[in-house]
Amino acid sequence: LANGATVLARDGAGNVLATARQSGKGTVIALGTFIGKGYAEARYGDFERFLGHLIAYAGGLPDLKVHGEKPLQWRSGPAAGKRLLFITNQSAAQTVRVGGPEALFGSAKTARELHHGGKIRIKREDGECRFKLPLAEGDFAILHW
């Protein structure tokens, strides 16, 4: 192991599969394999969970959570004092759930959907905010609050 490295994972035989080492203001994570090779051929949950844990380890998970019953894409950020959320659904029709800490929602009571029009009530409970919206197959939503 490199000086100062921490073992993150070993296989059943004890071989080192992943290490982490601080470098300047960041962290280098070294893997003993090309872990994404199989993913290029077909999606698999173990690799997606691994990436999720890696992103969490690095402090890169967003506070806003956007979940669907099937795969979807989303992006969010501040704009003119409000939060914008873009959601694209290339899967079958599904219900999308959005949530996060109250700090991301401010005093907003509703989210305005700009593509189809309308407002969605934001529910608040125990310091968290959440709402849900249906998205048809191939549809998208643009929300702000």
Protein backbone atom coordinates (compact mmCIF):
# COMPACT_ATOMS: atom_id res chain seq x y z
CA LEU A 1 0.00 0.00 0.00
CA ALA A 2 1.04 3.55 -0.64
CA ASN A 3 2.06 5.53 2.44
CA GLY A 4 -1.08 6.74 4.22
CA ALA A 5 -3.51 4.66 2.13
CA THR A 6 -6.58 3.05 3.69
CA VAL A 7 -7.99 -0.24 2.43
CA LEU A 8 -11.63 0.22 1.41
CA ALA A 9 -12.38 -3.29 0.09
CA ARG A 10 -10.90 -6.78 -0.13
CA ASP A 11 -12.06 -9.86 -1.98
CA GLY A 12 -12.82 -13.21 -0.31
CA ALA A 13 -9.12 -14.20 -0.49
CA GLY A 14 -8.02 -10.99 1.24
CA ASN A 15 -6.62 -9.30 -1.87
CA VAL A 16 -6.92 -5.52 -1.84
CA LEU A 17 -9.55 -4.30 -4.31
CA ALA A 18 -9.79 -0.60 -3.40
CA THR A 19 -7.77 1.93 -1.43
CA ALA A 20 -8.11 5.62 -0.56
CA ARG A 21 -5.39 8.16 0.16
CA GLN A 22 -5.53 11.87 0.92
CA SER A 23 -3.78 14.02 -1.65
CA GLY A 24 -3.80 17.77 -1.11
CA LYS A 25 -7.43 18.82 -0.55
CA GLY A 26 -8.83 15.68 -2.17
CA THR A 27 -8.83 11.93 -1.97
CA VAL A 28 -7.51 9.47 -4.52
CA ILE A 29 -9.38 6.19 -4.76
CA ALA A 30 -7.51 3.38 -6.50
CA LEU A 31 -9.28 0.27 -7.78
CA GLY A 32 -7.59 -3.01 -8.63
CA THR A 33 -9.86 -3.67 -11.61
CA PHE A 34 -11.73 -1.97 -14.43
CA ILE A 35 -14.96 -2.12 -12.49
CA GLY A 36 -17.14 -0.44 -15.12
CA LYS A 37 -16.33 -2.78 -18.01
CA GLY A 38 -19.43 -4.94 -17.61
CA TYR A 39 -21.62 -1.87 -17.16
CA ALA A 40 -20.74 -0.74 -20.68
CA GLU A 41 -22.55 -3.86 -21.93
CA ALA A 42 -25.54 -3.89 -19.56
CA ARG A 43 -26.69 -1.99 -16.50
CA TYR A 44 -26.31 -3.70 -13.14
CA GLY A 45 -27.34 -2.62 -9.68
CA ASP A 46 -24.17 -3.64 -7.84
CA PHE A 47 -22.10 -1.17 -9.88
CA GLU A 48 -24.68 1.59 -9.38
CA ARG A 49 -24.70 0.96 -5.62
CA PHE A 50 -20.88 1.02 -5.62
CA LEU A 51 -20.88 4.40 -7.38
CA GLY A 52 -23.49 5.70 -4.94
CA HIS A 53 -21.32 4.68 -1.97
CA LEU A 54 -18.24 6.19 -3.62
CA ILE A 55 -20.02 9.49 -4.23
CA ALA A 56 -21.32 9.50 -0.64
CA TYR A 57 -17.80 8.76 0.67
CA ALA A 58 -16.52 11.78 -1.24
CA GLY A 59 -19.33 14.03 0.07
CA GLY A 60 -20.82 14.48 -3.39
CA LEU A 61 -24.42 13.44 -2.81
CA PRO A 62 -26.93 16.25 -3.25
CA ASP A 63 -29.28 17.16 -0.42
CA LEU A 64 -32.18 17.06 -2.87
CA LYS A 65 -33.50 13.54 -3.52
CA VAL A 66 -35.37 12.72 -6.72
CA HIS A 67 -36.59 9.14 -7.06
CA GLY A 68 -38.73 7.36 -9.60
CA GLU A 69 -40.03 3.85 -9.93
CA LYS A 70 -37.87 3.53 -13.05
CA PRO A 71 -34.73 5.32 -14.28
CA LEU A 72 -34.96 9.06 -14.89
CA GLN A 73 -32.58 12.00 -15.17
CA TRP A 74 -32.65 15.21 -13.18
CA ARG A 75 -30.67 18.37 -12.58
CA SER A 76 -31.22 21.13 -10.06
CA GLY A 77 -29.72 24.43 -9.05
CA PRO A 78 -30.45 27.98 -7.93
CA ALA A 79 -31.68 30.62 -10.37
CA ALA A 80 -32.81 34.18 -9.58
CA GLY A 81 -33.41 33.40 -5.90
CA LYS A 82 -35.41 30.24 -6.58
CA ARG A 83 -34.56 26.58 -7.06
CA LEU A 84 -35.07 25.03 -10.49
CA LEU A 85 -35.51 21.29 -10.99
CA PHE A 86 -35.48 19.64 -14.42
CA ILE A 87 -36.68 16.02 -14.60
CA THR A 88 -36.62 13.91 -17.79
CA ASN A 89 -38.44 10.58 -17.93
CA GLN A 90 -37.31 8.31 -20.76
CA SER A 91 -38.93 5.29 -19.05
CA ALA A 92 -42.56 4.22 -18.80
CA ALA A 93 -45.04 6.47 -16.98
CA GLN A 94 -44.17 6.77 -13.30
CA THR A 95 -44.61 8.76 -10.12
CA VAL A 96 -41.57 10.86 -9.17
CA ARG A 97 -40.87 11.66 -5.52
CA VAL A 98 -38.87 14.78 -4.62
CA GLY A 99 -37.63 15.57 -1.12
CA GLY A 100 -34.93 17.17 0.97
CA PRO A 101 -34.16 19.38 3.95
CA GLU A 102 -36.31 22.47 4.56
CA ALA A 103 -33.29 24.68 3.83
CA LEU A 104 -33.59 23.74 0.12
CA PHE A 105 -37.26 24.70 0.02
CA GLY A 106 -37.16 27.92 2.05
CA SER A 107 -40.67 29.13 2.86
CA ALA A 108 -42.22 27.73 -0.36
CA LYS A 109 -45.61 26.08 0.08
CA THR A 110 -45.88 24.94 -3.52
CA ALA A 111 -43.67 23.99 -6.44
CA ARG A 112 -44.73 25.46 -9.75
CA GLU A 113 -44.53 23.13 -12.77
CA LEU A 114 -43.57 25.27 -15.76
CA HIS A 115 -43.93 22.78 -18.65
CA HIS A 116 -47.55 21.68 -18.09
CA GLY A 117 -48.55 24.46 -15.69
CA GLY A 118 -49.97 23.99 -12.25
CA LYS A 119 -48.79 23.90 -8.68
CA ILE A 120 -47.82 21.01 -6.45
CA ARG A 121 -48.23 21.26 -2.68
CA ILE A 122 -45.00 20.81 -0.71
CA LYS A 123 -45.49 18.71 2.42
CA ARG A 124 -43.34 19.48 5.49
CA GLU A 125 -42.55 17.09 8.32
CA ASP A 126 -39.67 16.78 10.81
CA GLY A 127 -37.43 19.31 9.01
CA GLU A 128 -37.94 17.66 5.62
CA CYS A 129 -40.00 18.72 2.61
CA ARG A 130 -41.41 16.49 -0.08
CA PHE A 131 -43.81 16.30 -3.01
CA LYS A 132 -44.60 13.89 -5.82
CA LEU A 133 -45.69 14.26 -9.42
CA PRO A 134 -46.67 11.90 -12.23
CA LEU A 135 -44.57 11.87 -15.40
CA ALA A 136 -45.74 10.18 -18.59
CA GLU A 137 -43.41 8.11 -20.75
CA GLY A 138 -40.99 10.41 -22.61
CA ASP A 139 -42.22 13.47 -20.68
CA PHE A 140 -40.32 16.08 -18.68
CA ALA A 141 -41.01 18.55 -15.91
CA ILE A 142 -39.50 21.91 -15.04
CA LEU A 143 -40.26 22.97 -11.48
CA HIS A 144 -39.35 25.96 -9.38
CA TRP A 145 -39.97 27.02 -5.78
